[in-house]
Amino acid sequence: MGRYRTPTVLAAASLLLTALCAGQAPAAAPPGRVGIDDVIAEKLDDAITAAMREAGIPGVGIGLWIDGDEPYVRAFGTSDKATGTPIKTDMHTRIGSVTKTFTITGVLQLVDDGKVRLDAPVSTYLDGVPGGDRITVRQLADMRSGLYDYTQDPRMLAAYKADPYRSWKPQELLDIAFRHPANFPPGARWEYSNTNTVLLGLLVEKISGQPLHTYLEQHVTEPAGLDATSLPTGAEITSPFVHGYTNFTPDGATVDASQWNPSWAWSAGAMISTVDDLHAWVPTLVSGRLPDGGRLLEPGTQAQRVRMLPTGHPDVGYGLGIAAIDGWIGHNGELPGYETIAVRLPQERATLVIVVNSDVDGKFGNLSSLVANKVTEIVTPEHVWSLPKAAQPNAVPEPSASPASPASPASPASPASPASPQP
C-alpha cells in the first residue's frame, strides 16, 4: 500500500552527512528553548527528583530528545516497591489513552485504502449506535459525537472497583454507554469520551476483517519498528514490566495494579509500550512518516489528523486522536497505576516521553503532568506543559469518591482512567 513507499530522494540526508563530515558546529538552540548540556541535565535531575519526593511518586522514566543535542534519558526510583527493583526505560508499561493514537491511525489507514470515509455516518459501518446515522466517523475520532462516556457510569465504576481482574467485552462497554442519552447533538461541541474510540476499534475490526490487536501489529507497530508495543488480549503485560500503583480501591488503600485487566479500556486505553518505543512512535505519529521514509498515512490524511479544533480549554486543541497542549502534539494517558505523556514540539524538534508508575494524584493533580511541567519550565520555557484538570482527556475523579455517585466528566491526553477508569 502507498503508505509504505520509501521515497528515493535522499538529498537532505546527504547534505547533513556532508555538513557533519566537514566538522560544522551544530546550530544554536532556537529562541524559546535551552539546549541540553550538563548543567541543564543536572537541573532536570534535581527538579524531577524533588517532584517525586513531594508527590510520593515511586518511579519515573523519562526521555527528552532535541535534535542537535545530547538526549536526556533517565530513570528515577523503583519499578517494584516490593523488591526495590529500579525502573528502566526499556521496561513495559501500560500507556492508557496514548492507545488512541494507534487505534485512530488504523482508522485513517482504512480511509487511505478507500474502505472508510471520515464524513460518512458511523451507521454506514456499524449497527446499533444511537443516532449513528447522524454521527460521523470524524466526530468519533475528534471527540465531537456527544456519546456518553461509559467510564462515567456509576454502576460500571462500582463493578470495576469490586473486581479489577474482570474481563470486559467491547459490546458490554457500549451497552453501558448506550443506556444513557447523548450529552449533545453530534458536532455541537467537544467532549472526551472513551465510547468513541471503542466504536472505532470495532470499526477497524469489521472493515479489516482482523482482530484489532492483529491489525495494529501488522499495519502500525511493526512498520513503525515498535517491537515492544502491543495491545494485550487480557491482563498480560510483557516482562520486564513496571509495577503500577493505585488507590482506586474500595478502602482507598494503595495497591499494585500491574495485573489488573485493562480490557475495560480496550482500543481506548489498554496498550503496552516502553519509553524507548514511544520515542520512536511520536515523531512518526506527528509527521505521518515511517522511520524508513515511507508513509504511515497519506499527506492529506495526516494534515486532517493534525488539524486541531478548539476544546473550550485554553491552549488545548484536539485533532483526530491527537492533542495539542501549548504547542506539544501527541497524547497523554492514565489508568489505574500508570500515567504516560508522549508528545513532540515540532518547532523545537523536541520529543518528550514520560512514564509514571502511580496515579495516586492527590493534591498534586496529574503526576505525569507535574513532571512534564517541571521539565518544560527548564527546557522549553515558552512552551510549558500545563494541562488544566478539567481539560485532561484522562481526568479521573478522586479515588475516594463514592462509586455510587457519578464521576466528574473527562473533558478534553494520556495520551493516555478511573474512579472512573478513564484511560
Protein backbone atom coordinates (compact mmCIF):
# COMPACT_ATOMS: atom_id res chain seq x y z
CA MET A 1 0.00 0.00 0.00
CA GLY A 2 1.09 3.58 -0.68
CA ARG A 3 1.79 4.47 2.94
CA TYR A 4 4.77 2.07 2.98
CA ARG A 5 6.51 3.50 -0.09
CA THR A 6 10.10 4.63 0.51
CA PRO A 7 10.98 7.82 -1.37
CA THR A 8 14.11 7.92 -3.50
CA VAL A 9 15.08 11.46 -2.57
CA LEU A 10 17.97 11.34 -0.10
CA ALA A 11 19.50 14.72 -0.85
CA ALA A 12 18.68 16.17 2.55
CA ALA A 13 20.36 13.28 4.34
CA SER A 14 23.39 13.62 2.07
CA LEU A 15 23.69 17.32 2.84
CA LEU A 16 23.50 16.60 6.56
CA LEU A 17 26.22 13.96 6.27
CA THR A 18 28.39 16.38 4.29
CA ALA A 19 27.97 19.05 6.96
CA LEU A 20 28.90 16.64 9.74
CA CYS A 21 31.96 15.39 7.88
CA ALA A 22 33.06 18.97 7.32
CA GLY A 23 33.03 19.48 11.08
CA GLN A 24 30.43 22.22 11.07
CA ALA A 25 29.17 23.17 14.52
CA PRO A 26 25.55 22.35 15.33
CA ALA A 27 23.10 25.19 15.09
CA ALA A 28 22.44 27.22 18.21
CA ALA A 29 19.33 26.44 20.18
CA PRO A 30 16.30 28.22 18.72
CA PRO A 31 14.78 31.05 20.74
CA GLY A 32 12.42 29.81 23.43
CA ARG A 33 14.32 26.72 24.47
CA VAL A 34 17.52 25.82 26.24
CA GLY A 35 19.94 23.22 24.92
CA ILE A 36 20.54 20.07 26.98
CA ASP A 37 24.05 20.37 28.37
CA ASP A 38 25.43 19.00 31.63
CA VAL A 39 24.16 21.97 33.63
CA ILE A 40 20.64 21.67 32.25
CA ALA A 41 20.68 17.90 32.75
CA GLU A 42 21.58 18.40 36.40
CA LYS A 43 18.74 20.94 36.79
CA LEU A 44 16.34 18.41 35.27
CA ASP A 45 17.58 15.67 37.59
CA ASP A 46 17.04 17.89 40.60
CA ALA A 47 13.58 19.10 39.50
CA ILE A 48 12.30 15.60 38.77
CA THR A 49 13.59 14.02 41.96
CA ALA A 50 12.19 16.92 44.01
CA ALA A 51 8.76 16.45 42.39
CA MET A 52 8.94 12.72 43.10
CA ARG A 53 9.69 13.31 46.78
CA GLU A 54 6.98 15.93 47.12
CA ALA A 55 4.26 13.86 45.41
CA GLY A 56 5.37 10.41 46.60
CA ILE A 57 5.99 9.06 43.08
CA PRO A 58 7.62 5.60 43.15
CA GLY A 59 9.27 5.74 39.73
CA VAL A 60 9.67 7.91 36.64
CA GLY A 61 11.05 7.01 33.24
CA ILE A 62 11.75 9.99 31.00
CA GLY A 63 13.28 10.77 27.67
CA LEU A 64 13.78 14.21 26.13
CA TRP A 65 15.29 14.32 22.67
CA ILE A 66 16.02 17.64 20.95
CA ASP A 67 17.60 17.43 17.52
CA GLY A 68 21.22 18.52 17.70
CA ASP A 69 21.55 18.00 21.47
CA GLU A 70 22.61 15.06 23.56
CA PRO A 71 19.48 13.13 24.57
CA TYR A 72 18.29 13.31 28.14
CA VAL A 73 17.14 9.79 29.06
CA ARG A 74 16.76 8.91 32.73
CA ALA A 75 15.00 6.50 35.08
CA PHE A 76 14.43 7.52 38.70
CA GLY A 77 13.12 5.42 41.57
CA THR A 78 11.71 1.94 41.62
CA SER A 79 9.62 -0.20 39.29
CA ASP A 80 8.56 -2.54 42.10
CA LYS A 81 8.14 -1.33 45.66
CA ALA A 82 8.13 -4.90 46.98
CA THR A 83 11.57 -5.75 45.63
CA GLY A 84 13.14 -2.32 45.14
CA THR A 85 13.93 -3.15 41.51
CA PRO A 86 14.96 0.09 39.77
CA ILE A 87 12.79 1.39 36.93
CA LYS A 88 14.38 1.33 33.46
CA THR A 89 13.31 2.95 30.20
CA ASP A 90 13.13 -0.39 28.38
CA MET A 91 10.54 -1.77 30.81
CA HIS A 92 6.99 -2.27 29.57
CA THR A 93 4.29 -0.02 30.96
CA ARG A 94 0.56 0.46 30.39
CA ILE A 95 0.10 3.62 28.32
CA GLY A 96 -3.60 4.40 28.77
CA SER A 97 -5.08 6.82 26.25
CA VAL A 98 -1.90 7.03 24.19
CA THR A 99 -3.57 3.87 22.78
CA LYS A 100 -5.98 6.17 20.95
CA THR A 101 -3.17 7.37 18.70
CA PHE A 102 -2.69 3.80 17.45
CA THR A 103 -6.37 2.88 17.08
CA ILE A 104 -7.20 6.01 15.13
CA THR A 105 -4.12 5.54 12.96
CA GLY A 106 -5.74 2.24 11.98
CA VAL A 107 -8.97 4.03 11.08
CA LEU A 108 -7.10 6.61 9.00
CA GLN A 109 -5.18 3.89 7.14
CA LEU A 110 -8.54 2.41 6.14
CA VAL A 111 -9.51 5.89 4.94
CA ASP A 112 -6.36 5.93 2.79
CA ASP A 113 -7.30 2.49 1.45
CA GLY A 114 -10.70 3.80 0.36
CA LYS A 115 -12.55 1.48 2.73
CA VAL A 116 -13.78 4.14 5.19
CA ARG A 117 -14.93 7.73 4.70
CA LEU A 118 -14.30 10.17 7.52
CA ASP A 119 -17.50 12.09 6.90
CA ALA A 120 -19.73 9.05 6.46
CA PRO A 121 -22.18 8.25 9.26
CA VAL A 122 -20.90 5.53 11.56
CA SER A 123 -24.12 3.62 10.76
CA THR A 124 -22.58 3.00 7.32
CA TYR A 125 -20.17 0.59 9.01
CA LEU A 126 -21.61 -0.36 12.41
CA ASP A 127 -25.15 -1.15 13.51
CA GLY A 128 -26.74 -0.32 16.83
CA VAL A 129 -25.25 3.11 17.54
CA PRO A 130 -27.93 5.50 18.84
CA GLY A 131 -28.10 8.40 16.38
CA GLY A 132 -25.48 6.62 14.28
CA ASP A 133 -27.00 7.98 11.09
CA ARG A 134 -26.01 11.49 12.24
CA ILE A 135 -22.65 10.79 13.92
CA THR A 136 -19.72 10.70 11.51
CA VAL A 137 -16.51 8.71 11.79
CA ARG A 138 -14.67 12.02 12.02
CA GLN A 139 -16.78 13.11 15.01
CA LEU A 140 -15.88 9.90 16.81
CA ALA A 141 -12.18 10.49 16.15
CA ASP A 142 -12.17 14.15 17.20
CA MET A 143 -14.41 13.67 20.26
CA ARG A 144 -17.45 15.56 18.99
CA SER A 145 -20.02 12.77 18.80
CA GLY A 146 -21.89 13.62 22.01
CA LEU A 147 -21.99 9.94 23.03
CA TYR A 148 -21.93 9.28 26.76
CA ASP A 149 -18.59 8.04 28.10
CA TYR A 150 -19.16 4.58 29.62
CA THR A 151 -16.34 5.20 32.12
CA GLN A 152 -18.57 7.80 33.78
CA ASP A 153 -21.32 5.28 34.55
CA PRO A 154 -21.60 4.80 38.36
CA ARG A 155 -22.52 1.12 38.08
CA MET A 156 -19.62 0.41 35.74
CA LEU A 157 -17.25 2.12 38.19
CA ALA A 158 -18.62 0.13 41.10
CA ALA A 159 -18.25 -3.14 39.16
CA TYR A 160 -14.70 -2.31 38.14
CA LYS A 161 -13.69 -1.33 41.64
CA ALA A 162 -15.22 -4.54 43.04
CA ASP A 163 -13.37 -6.75 40.53
CA PRO A 164 -10.49 -5.10 38.63
CA TYR A 165 -9.48 -8.50 37.20
CA ARG A 166 -12.74 -8.86 35.28
CA SER A 167 -12.62 -9.22 31.51
CA TRP A 168 -14.87 -6.79 29.63
CA LYS A 169 -16.05 -7.22 26.05
CA PRO A 170 -16.30 -4.11 23.83
CA GLN A 171 -20.02 -4.60 23.35
CA GLU A 172 -20.54 -4.65 27.13
CA LEU A 173 -18.89 -1.25 27.31
CA LEU A 174 -21.04 0.13 24.52
CA ASP A 175 -24.20 -1.27 26.11
CA ILE A 176 -23.35 0.72 29.24
CA ALA A 177 -22.81 3.90 27.21
CA PHE A 178 -25.96 3.46 25.15
CA ARG A 179 -28.18 3.20 28.24
CA HIS A 180 -27.55 6.94 28.62
CA PRO A 181 -28.85 9.66 26.31
CA ALA A 182 -26.33 11.60 24.25
CA ASN A 183 -24.85 14.60 26.01
CA PHE A 184 -25.33 16.90 22.99
CA PRO A 185 -26.08 16.74 19.25
CA PRO A 186 -23.20 15.49 17.06
CA GLY A 187 -20.70 18.23 16.26
CA ALA A 188 -22.16 20.72 18.75
CA ARG A 189 -19.05 20.79 20.92
CA TRP A 190 -16.03 18.84 22.10
CA GLU A 191 -16.17 16.30 24.93
CA TYR A 192 -13.78 13.47 25.62
CA SER A 193 -15.49 10.07 25.52
CA ASN A 194 -13.86 6.65 25.51
CA THR A 195 -17.02 5.31 23.90
CA ASN A 196 -15.92 6.98 20.66
CA THR A 197 -12.66 5.06 20.45
CA VAL A 198 -14.20 1.70 21.41
CA LEU A 199 -16.55 2.16 18.44
CA LEU A 200 -13.59 2.96 16.20
CA GLY A 201 -11.80 -0.17 17.38
CA LEU A 202 -14.81 -2.23 16.33
CA LEU A 203 -14.90 -0.37 13.01
CA VAL A 204 -11.27 -1.35 12.31
CA GLU A 205 -12.08 -4.97 13.12
CA LYS A 206 -15.17 -5.08 10.91
CA ILE A 207 -13.66 -3.36 7.88
CA SER A 208 -10.25 -5.07 8.05
CA GLY A 209 -11.58 -8.49 8.98
CA GLN A 210 -8.86 -8.79 11.62
CA PRO A 211 -8.83 -8.60 15.42
CA LEU A 212 -7.70 -5.13 16.43
CA HIS A 213 -4.50 -6.33 18.10
CA THR A 214 -3.52 -8.20 14.93
CA TYR A 215 -4.32 -5.27 12.65
CA LEU A 216 -2.32 -2.82 14.76
CA GLU A 217 0.66 -5.16 14.91
CA GLN A 218 0.75 -5.77 11.16
CA HIS A 219 -0.12 -2.29 9.92
CA VAL A 220 1.03 0.15 12.61
CA THR A 221 3.52 -1.05 15.22
CA GLU A 222 5.56 -3.40 13.00
CA PRO A 223 6.02 -0.91 10.11
CA ALA A 224 6.92 1.76 12.70
CA GLY A 225 9.59 -0.52 14.20
CA LEU A 226 7.89 -0.75 17.60
CA ASP A 227 8.90 -4.18 18.86
CA ALA A 228 7.83 -3.54 22.46
CA THR A 229 4.37 -2.10 21.77
CA SER A 230 1.22 -4.22 21.73
CA LEU A 231 -2.48 -4.40 22.54
CA PRO A 232 -2.98 -7.22 25.06
CA THR A 233 -5.97 -9.52 24.75
CA GLY A 234 -6.19 -9.94 28.53
CA ALA A 235 -4.37 -8.83 31.66
CA GLU A 236 -0.93 -9.80 30.37
CA ILE A 237 1.97 -7.38 30.40
CA THR A 238 5.30 -8.27 28.83
CA SER A 239 8.35 -8.69 31.08
CA PRO A 240 10.27 -6.80 32.20
CA PHE A 241 7.48 -4.50 33.27
CA VAL A 242 6.86 -1.58 35.56
CA HIS A 243 4.55 -2.22 38.51
CA GLY A 244 1.87 0.45 38.74
CA TYR A 245 0.36 1.70 42.00
CA THR A 246 -3.19 2.98 42.52
CA ASN A 247 -5.58 3.77 45.35
CA PHE A 248 -8.65 3.13 43.21
CA THR A 249 -9.75 0.51 45.71
CA PRO A 250 -12.82 0.04 47.91
CA ASP A 251 -10.95 1.18 51.04
CA GLY A 252 -8.62 3.68 49.34
CA ALA A 253 -5.53 1.59 50.08
CA THR A 254 -2.67 1.83 47.57
CA VAL A 255 -2.06 -1.48 45.78
CA ASP A 256 -0.11 -2.91 42.85
CA ALA A 257 -2.40 -2.77 39.79
CA SER A 258 0.02 -4.25 37.26
CA GLN A 259 -2.05 -7.43 36.88
CA TRP A 260 -5.43 -5.70 36.68
CA ASN A 261 -7.27 -6.39 33.45
CA PRO A 262 -7.27 -3.33 31.15
CA SER A 263 -9.95 -4.75 28.82
CA TRP A 264 -12.38 -2.11 30.11
CA ALA A 265 -10.23 0.38 28.18
CA TRP A 266 -9.54 -1.80 25.09
CA SER A 267 -8.99 0.31 21.96
CA ALA A 268 -9.26 3.49 24.05
CA GLY A 269 -6.52 2.71 26.56
CA ALA A 270 -5.21 -0.86 27.01
CA MET A 271 -1.92 -0.84 25.08
CA ILE A 272 1.57 -1.56 26.42
CA SER A 273 4.81 0.13 25.37
CA THR A 274 8.16 1.46 26.63
CA VAL A 275 9.85 4.86 26.82
CA ASP A 276 12.17 3.78 24.02
CA ASP A 277 9.32 2.67 21.71
CA LEU A 278 7.29 5.81 22.40
CA HIS A 279 10.34 7.88 21.49
CA ALA A 280 10.25 6.21 18.07
CA TRP A 281 6.46 6.47 17.76
CA VAL A 282 5.87 10.15 18.50
CA PRO A 283 7.75 11.65 15.51
CA THR A 284 6.02 9.10 13.23
CA LEU A 285 2.64 9.99 14.72
CA VAL A 286 3.14 13.73 14.33
CA SER A 287 4.69 13.62 10.83
CA GLY A 288 2.87 10.66 9.27
CA ARG A 289 6.24 9.32 8.09
CA LEU A 290 7.78 5.96 8.95
CA PRO A 291 11.40 5.69 10.10
CA ASP A 292 12.48 4.35 6.68
CA GLY A 293 10.95 7.38 4.96
CA GLY A 294 7.79 5.58 3.90
CA ARG A 295 4.31 6.79 4.75
CA LEU A 296 2.26 5.82 7.76
CA LEU A 297 -0.56 7.95 6.30
CA GLU A 298 -1.02 9.82 3.07
CA PRO A 299 -0.11 13.53 3.40
CA GLY A 300 -3.70 14.75 3.01
CA THR A 301 -4.96 12.37 5.66
CA GLN A 302 -2.14 13.32 8.02
CA ALA A 303 -2.98 17.00 7.50
CA GLN A 304 -6.56 16.31 8.56
CA ARG A 305 -5.35 14.35 11.57
CA VAL A 306 -3.30 17.21 13.00
CA ARG A 307 -5.82 19.96 12.23
CA MET A 308 -6.56 20.94 15.82
CA LEU A 309 -10.01 22.17 16.74
CA PRO A 310 -10.78 24.09 19.92
CA THR A 311 -11.80 22.14 23.01
CA GLY A 312 -13.05 25.00 25.13
CA HIS A 313 -9.85 24.94 27.19
CA PRO A 314 -7.05 27.50 26.68
CA ASP A 315 -4.00 26.19 24.80
CA VAL A 316 -5.60 22.75 24.29
CA GLY A 317 -6.68 21.58 20.84
CA TYR A 318 -7.75 18.16 19.59
CA GLY A 319 -7.46 16.58 16.17
CA LEU A 320 -8.16 13.00 15.09
CA GLY A 321 -6.98 11.00 18.09
CA ILE A 322 -4.23 13.51 18.81
CA ALA A 323 -3.99 16.54 21.09
CA ALA A 324 -2.07 19.82 21.15
CA ILE A 325 -1.14 21.32 24.52
CA ASP A 326 0.70 24.65 24.33
CA GLY A 327 2.50 23.53 21.17
CA TRP A 328 3.23 19.94 22.29
CA ILE A 329 1.49 17.44 19.99
CA GLY A 330 0.67 13.85 20.88
CA HIS A 331 -1.33 12.33 23.72
CA ASN A 332 -1.26 11.51 27.38
CA GLY A 333 -2.74 8.52 29.14
CA GLU A 334 -3.81 7.37 32.55
CA LEU A 335 -5.32 4.26 34.04
CA PRO A 336 -5.01 2.67 37.48
CA GLY A 337 -1.33 2.60 38.42
CA TYR A 338 0.06 4.24 35.29
CA GLU A 339 0.42 7.66 33.66
CA THR A 340 2.08 8.46 30.35
CA ILE A 341 2.89 11.50 28.21
CA ALA A 342 4.17 11.07 24.64
CA VAL A 343 4.45 14.34 22.71
CA ARG A 344 6.52 16.35 20.23
CA LEU A 345 7.18 20.07 19.93
CA PRO A 346 7.76 20.36 16.16
CA GLN A 347 9.06 23.93 16.09
CA GLU A 348 11.84 22.97 18.52
CA ARG A 349 12.31 19.48 17.04
CA ALA A 350 11.82 18.05 20.53
CA THR A 351 10.23 14.78 21.67
CA LEU A 352 9.20 14.19 25.28
CA VAL A 353 8.15 10.86 26.80
CA ILE A 354 7.29 10.44 30.47
CA VAL A 355 6.02 7.35 32.27
CA VAL A 356 5.00 7.36 35.94
CA ASN A 357 4.04 4.21 37.84
CA SER A 358 1.36 5.75 40.03
CA ASP A 359 -1.97 7.53 39.56
CA VAL A 360 -2.28 8.48 43.24
CA ASP A 361 -2.57 12.11 42.26
CA GLY A 362 -3.90 13.63 45.47
CA LYS A 363 -3.33 17.36 45.95
CA PHE A 364 -0.66 17.44 43.23
CA GLY A 365 -3.06 16.63 40.41
CA ASN A 366 -1.91 14.53 37.46
CA LEU A 367 1.56 13.21 38.35
CA SER A 368 2.88 12.90 34.81
CA SER A 369 1.79 16.47 34.12
CA LEU A 370 3.57 17.57 37.29
CA VAL A 371 6.82 16.08 35.97
CA ALA A 372 6.26 17.45 32.46
CA ASN A 373 5.65 20.92 33.87
CA LYS A 374 8.94 20.87 35.79
CA VAL A 375 10.86 19.63 32.74
CA THR A 376 9.40 22.08 30.22
CA GLU A 377 9.82 25.05 32.57
CA ILE A 378 13.56 24.41 32.31
CA VAL A 379 13.99 23.33 28.69
CA THR A 380 11.17 24.98 26.71
CA PRO A 381 10.11 27.98 28.83
CA GLU A 382 7.90 29.36 26.07
CA HIS A 383 6.06 26.04 25.81
CA VAL A 384 5.43 24.93 29.38
CA TRP A 385 3.24 21.86 29.78
CA SER A 386 0.23 22.93 31.80
CA LEU A 387 -2.91 20.85 31.44
CA PRO A 388 -5.89 22.02 33.49
CA LYS A 389 -7.56 19.19 35.39
CA ALA A 390 -10.83 19.89 33.58
CA ALA A 391 -9.03 19.59 30.25
CA GLN A 392 -7.32 16.25 30.83
CA PRO A 393 -8.53 13.66 28.35
CA ASN A 394 -7.98 11.15 31.12
CA ALA A 395 -9.18 13.27 34.01
CA VAL A 396 -10.03 10.97 36.89
CA PRO A 397 -12.29 11.69 39.83
CA GLU A 398 -10.68 11.35 43.21
CA PRO A 399 -10.29 7.63 44.04
CA SER A 400 -12.02 8.27 47.36
CA ALA A 401 -15.19 9.35 45.56
CA SER A 402 -18.13 7.07 46.14
CA PRO A 403 -18.69 4.64 43.27
CA ALA A 404 -22.39 5.26 43.70
CA SER A 405 -22.01 8.87 42.64
CA PRO A 406 -21.26 9.93 39.06
CA ALA A 407 -17.66 10.55 38.17
CA SER A 408 -16.62 14.01 37.09
CA PRO A 409 -16.61 14.46 33.32
CA ALA A 410 -13.40 13.81 31.43
CA SER A 411 -13.37 16.79 29.27
CA PRO A 412 -10.63 17.00 26.75
CA ALA A 413 -4.23 13.17 26.74
CA SER A 414 -2.97 10.25 28.45
CA PRO A 415 -2.11 10.06 25.97
CA ALA A 416 -3.39 8.50 27.95
CA SER A 417 -8.52 6.32 34.00
CA PRO A 418 -11.00 5.57 36.73
CA ALA A 419 -12.64 6.29 39.77
CA SER A 420 -13.86 6.36 36.83
CA PRO A 421 -11.49 4.16 34.95
CA GLN A 422 -10.71 6.86 32.41
CA PRO A 423 -7.95 5.62 30.08
